[in-house]
Amino acid sequence: MSTQVATSTHVVLDSPVGPLTLVATDGALSGLYMEMQRHLPSEETFGALADPDTEPFATVAAQLTAYFAGELTAFDVPLDLHGTPFQRRVWAALQEIPYGETTTYGELAAEIGSPSAARAVGLANGRNPVGVIVPCHRVVGSTGSLTGYGGGLDRKRHLLDFERETRTGADGATLF
């Protein structure tokens, strides 16, 4: 019986929110980490430095570029997310939050069928290994306040403001 070992590689890209480390495992994106991110895995798990022109990095970079240019509202890249079944349910629900909109931890908990699990949803949200692409920044506190974000509250505020401005346009008209 042979056991196949997953192979990870990584690249570092510049972005409007600072350097992003992209990690791929067997050809699918398994991590997107910001500088000084909470719950950052050890760099040894990132694997070897890869050529940014190889897949999936080239596709992810192109989509991130389009996102930060205000031209892309939903990502379509292969993901390989490792977490508990509960975490994966939360991460799947995060991907359903519309661009430029927010939801609360409690609303997200109810959406996944665990209405009393707002705190657990917050913990799973904080462990999201692919920030921006799996938009955990779109979850706010019950009063609309900006609560914790693994990449820092300044980045969360930047991403939310950017999406709202892009979504409504300079003249206030809704574009998407």
Protein backbone atom coordinates (compact mmCIF):
# COMPACT_ATOMS: atom_id res chain seq x y z
CA MET A 1 0.00 0.00 0.00
CA SER A 2 1.53 3.30 -1.05
CA THR A 3 0.75 6.60 0.56
CA GLN A 4 1.04 9.65 -1.63
CA VAL A 5 2.50 12.69 0.11
CA ALA A 6 1.06 16.08 -0.82
CA THR A 7 3.52 18.49 -2.39
CA SER A 8 3.27 22.18 -1.53
CA THR A 9 4.90 25.13 -3.25
CA HIS A 10 4.53 28.86 -2.76
CA VAL A 11 4.99 32.30 -4.29
CA VAL A 12 4.86 35.79 -2.81
CA LEU A 13 2.94 38.49 -4.68
CA ASP A 14 2.56 42.19 -4.05
CA SER A 15 -0.95 43.52 -3.53
CA PRO A 16 -2.70 46.66 -2.31
CA VAL A 17 -2.96 45.01 1.14
CA GLY A 18 0.73 44.10 1.26
CA PRO A 19 2.64 40.97 0.28
CA LEU A 20 0.51 37.84 -0.11
CA THR A 21 2.00 34.37 0.22
CA LEU A 22 0.12 31.92 -1.98
CA VAL A 23 0.52 28.24 -1.18
CA ALA A 24 -0.53 25.46 -3.54
CA THR A 25 -0.85 21.80 -2.70
CA ASP A 26 -0.89 19.38 -5.60
CA GLY A 27 -1.98 22.09 -8.04
CA ALA A 28 -4.76 23.73 -5.99
CA LEU A 29 -4.59 26.84 -3.82
CA SER A 30 -4.37 25.81 -0.17
CA GLY A 31 -3.25 29.07 1.42
CA LEU A 32 -3.28 32.83 0.96
CA TYR A 33 -1.56 34.53 3.84
CA MET A 34 -0.95 38.18 4.63
CA GLU A 35 2.08 39.62 6.32
CA MET A 36 1.83 39.30 10.12
CA GLN A 37 -1.40 37.28 9.82
CA ARG A 38 -2.81 35.64 12.91
CA HIS A 39 -2.79 31.81 12.67
CA LEU A 40 0.01 31.89 10.11
CA PRO A 41 1.40 28.38 9.59
CA SER A 42 5.13 27.87 9.82
CA GLU A 43 6.96 28.72 6.61
CA GLU A 44 8.26 25.14 6.38
CA THR A 45 4.72 24.07 5.43
CA PHE A 46 4.72 26.40 2.40
CA GLY A 47 7.05 24.15 0.41
CA ALA A 48 9.57 25.28 -2.16
CA LEU A 49 9.47 28.66 -3.85
CA ALA A 50 7.76 28.25 -7.22
CA ASP A 51 7.65 30.13 -10.50
CA PRO A 52 4.68 32.54 -10.33
CA ASP A 53 3.92 31.77 -13.98
CA THR A 54 3.03 28.14 -13.16
CA GLU A 55 -0.44 26.96 -12.21
CA PRO A 56 -2.36 27.56 -10.11
CA PHE A 57 -0.33 30.67 -9.25
CA ALA A 58 -0.71 32.35 -12.65
CA THR A 59 -4.51 32.02 -12.54
CA VAL A 60 -4.73 33.12 -8.90
CA ALA A 61 -2.47 36.13 -9.58
CA ALA A 62 -4.54 37.13 -12.62
CA GLN A 63 -7.76 36.89 -10.63
CA LEU A 64 -6.31 38.83 -7.67
CA THR A 65 -5.12 41.54 -10.08
CA ALA A 66 -8.62 41.75 -11.59
CA TYR A 67 -10.19 41.80 -8.10
CA PHE A 68 -7.98 44.64 -6.89
CA ALA A 69 -8.68 46.53 -10.14
CA GLY A 70 -12.41 46.31 -9.35
CA GLU A 71 -13.06 44.05 -12.33
CA LEU A 72 -13.71 40.71 -10.56
CA THR A 73 -16.31 40.06 -7.86
CA ALA A 74 -16.05 36.29 -7.46
CA PHE A 75 -13.04 33.99 -7.65
CA ASP A 76 -12.96 30.75 -9.59
CA VAL A 77 -9.75 28.98 -8.66
CA PRO A 78 -9.24 25.39 -7.53
CA LEU A 79 -9.05 25.25 -3.71
CA ASP A 80 -7.66 22.57 -1.42
CA LEU A 81 -8.84 23.66 2.04
CA HIS A 82 -7.95 21.55 5.05
CA GLY A 83 -10.04 21.90 8.19
CA THR A 84 -12.70 20.24 10.27
CA PRO A 85 -16.07 19.51 8.67
CA PHE A 86 -17.53 22.48 10.59
CA GLN A 87 -14.76 24.82 9.39
CA ARG A 88 -15.28 23.69 5.78
CA ARG A 89 -19.05 24.40 6.10
CA VAL A 90 -18.28 27.90 7.36
CA TRP A 91 -15.72 28.49 4.59
CA ALA A 92 -18.22 27.30 1.95
CA ALA A 93 -20.84 29.70 3.36
CA LEU A 94 -18.34 32.57 3.26
CA GLN A 95 -18.04 32.11 -0.49
CA GLU A 96 -21.79 32.77 -0.82
CA ILE A 97 -21.62 36.27 0.73
CA PRO A 98 -22.14 38.69 -2.17
CA TYR A 99 -19.34 41.05 -3.15
CA GLY A 100 -19.60 44.38 -1.36
CA GLU A 101 -22.00 43.06 1.28
CA THR A 102 -21.55 41.86 4.84
CA THR A 103 -23.20 39.40 7.17
CA THR A 104 -22.84 38.78 10.88
CA TYR A 105 -21.39 35.78 12.67
CA GLY A 106 -24.87 34.99 13.99
CA GLU A 107 -26.47 35.19 10.54
CA LEU A 108 -23.75 32.94 9.14
CA ALA A 109 -24.27 30.46 11.98
CA ALA A 110 -28.00 30.33 11.24
CA GLU A 111 -27.31 29.93 7.52
CA ILE A 112 -25.22 26.80 8.09
CA GLY A 113 -27.86 25.31 10.40
CA SER A 114 -26.11 26.05 13.71
CA PRO A 115 -27.89 29.18 15.00
CA SER A 116 -26.30 29.02 18.46
CA ALA A 117 -22.76 28.68 17.10
CA ALA A 118 -21.87 32.31 16.32
CA ARG A 119 -18.71 32.09 18.42
CA ALA A 120 -17.63 28.85 16.72
CA VAL A 121 -18.32 30.46 13.34
CA GLY A 122 -16.04 33.32 14.38
CA LEU A 123 -13.27 30.88 15.31
CA ALA A 124 -13.64 29.01 12.00
CA ASN A 125 -13.69 32.33 10.16
CA GLY A 126 -10.40 33.25 11.84
CA ARG A 127 -8.84 29.98 10.67
CA ASN A 128 -9.76 30.56 7.01
CA PRO A 129 -6.56 29.61 5.14
CA VAL A 130 -7.42 31.53 1.96
CA GLY A 131 -8.31 35.08 2.93
CA VAL A 132 -9.65 37.48 0.27
CA ILE A 133 -10.59 34.60 -2.06
CA VAL A 134 -12.74 32.99 0.66
CA PRO A 135 -14.07 36.38 1.84
CA CYS A 136 -13.96 36.15 5.62
CA HIS A 137 -13.53 39.94 5.67
CA ARG A 138 -17.26 40.22 4.84
CA VAL A 139 -18.30 39.00 8.30
CA VAL A 140 -18.90 41.65 10.96
CA GLY A 141 -20.14 41.81 14.53
CA SER A 142 -23.87 41.83 15.37
CA THR A 143 -23.85 45.64 15.58
CA GLY A 144 -22.03 45.99 12.26
CA SER A 145 -18.74 46.63 14.04
CA LEU A 146 -15.48 45.43 12.55
CA THR A 147 -14.47 42.60 14.80
CA GLY A 148 -11.31 40.53 14.52
CA TYR A 149 -9.66 39.73 11.22
CA GLY A 150 -6.64 37.48 10.80
CA GLY A 151 -5.03 40.01 8.47
CA GLY A 152 -5.68 42.93 10.83
CA LEU A 153 -8.60 45.34 11.14
CA ASP A 154 -6.97 47.94 8.87
CA ARG A 155 -6.90 45.39 6.03
CA LYS A 156 -10.48 44.31 6.76
CA ARG A 157 -11.63 47.94 6.62
CA HIS A 158 -9.66 48.48 3.39
CA LEU A 159 -11.21 45.42 1.69
CA LEU A 160 -14.76 46.26 2.79
CA ASP A 161 -14.44 49.93 1.78
CA PHE A 162 -12.86 48.93 -1.55
CA GLU A 163 -15.69 46.49 -2.35
CA ARG A 164 -18.43 48.94 -1.36
CA GLU A 165 -16.88 51.74 -3.42
CA THR A 166 -16.29 49.48 -6.40
CA ARG A 167 -19.79 48.02 -6.18
CA THR A 168 -21.52 51.39 -6.09
CA GLY A 169 -19.15 53.32 -8.33
CA ALA A 170 -18.06 56.92 -8.02
CA ASP A 171 -21.55 58.26 -8.83
CA GLY A 172 -23.33 56.09 -6.24
CA ALA A 173 -24.98 53.84 -8.82
CA THR A 174 -24.85 50.11 -8.17
CA LEU A 175 -22.59 48.49 -10.76
CA PHE A 176 -23.02 44.79 -9.94
